[in-house]
Protein backbone atom coordinates (compact mmCIF):
# COMPACT_ATOMS: atom_id res chain seq x y z
CA MET A 1 -172.56 70.16 159.03
CA ASP A 2 -173.57 68.71 162.61
CA ILE A 3 -172.18 65.41 163.84
CA GLU A 4 -175.37 64.08 163.59
CA ARG A 5 -175.56 64.40 160.03
CA ARG A 6 -172.31 63.77 159.43
CA GLU A 7 -172.78 60.05 160.87
CA ARG A 8 -175.77 59.66 159.01
CA ALA A 9 -173.89 60.83 155.64
CA ALA A 10 -170.92 58.32 156.46
CA HIS A 11 -173.28 55.33 157.23
CA PHE A 12 -174.80 55.88 153.52
CA VAL A 13 -171.96 56.36 152.16
CA GLU A 14 -170.77 52.56 153.80
CA LEU A 15 -174.09 51.21 153.06
CA HIS A 16 -173.19 51.95 149.18
CA ARG A 17 -169.47 51.07 149.13
CA GLU A 18 -169.68 47.38 147.85
CA GLY A 19 -172.65 45.63 146.38
CA CYS A 20 -174.49 48.03 144.35
CA PHE A 21 -176.54 47.15 141.24
CA LEU A 22 -178.51 49.55 139.12
CA VAL A 23 -181.77 49.12 137.83
CA PRO A 24 -182.09 50.41 134.37
CA ASN A 25 -185.50 52.16 133.54
CA ALA A 26 -186.08 53.39 130.09
CA TRP A 27 -188.24 56.62 129.65
CA GLU A 28 -188.73 56.14 126.29
CA ALA A 29 -188.46 53.90 123.15
CA GLY A 30 -184.79 55.26 122.33
CA SER A 31 -183.58 54.60 125.66
CA ALA A 32 -185.24 51.78 125.62
CA ARG A 33 -183.38 50.03 122.31
CA ILE A 34 -180.05 51.25 123.86
CA LEU A 35 -180.40 49.18 127.29
CA GLU A 36 -181.58 46.49 125.09
CA GLU A 37 -178.87 46.57 122.96
CA VAL A 38 -176.72 45.98 125.76
CA GLY A 39 -178.35 43.19 127.72
CA ALA A 40 -180.43 44.84 130.07
CA ALA A 41 -183.90 43.56 130.85
CA ASP A 42 -186.51 46.44 132.37
CA SER A 43 -187.62 46.42 136.11
CA TRP A 44 -191.47 45.48 134.61
CA SER A 45 -190.05 42.30 132.65
CA ALA A 46 -188.14 41.03 135.59
CA ALA A 47 -190.23 41.82 138.24
CA PRO A 48 -191.74 38.40 137.70
CA THR A 49 -188.23 36.35 137.93
CA CYS A 50 -187.63 37.74 141.49
CA GLY A 51 -190.78 37.19 143.21
């Protein structure tokens, strides 16, 4: 791996070290039910509240 690529990889890792979040995105009814059971909102229903 060349130096530039290593630096870019290290920068990417640093950007994601803290403060990450997960956006749930159910693709079918089964996973949608599971997400609903754990209290997750899908991105479509959450979008209006985020502006």
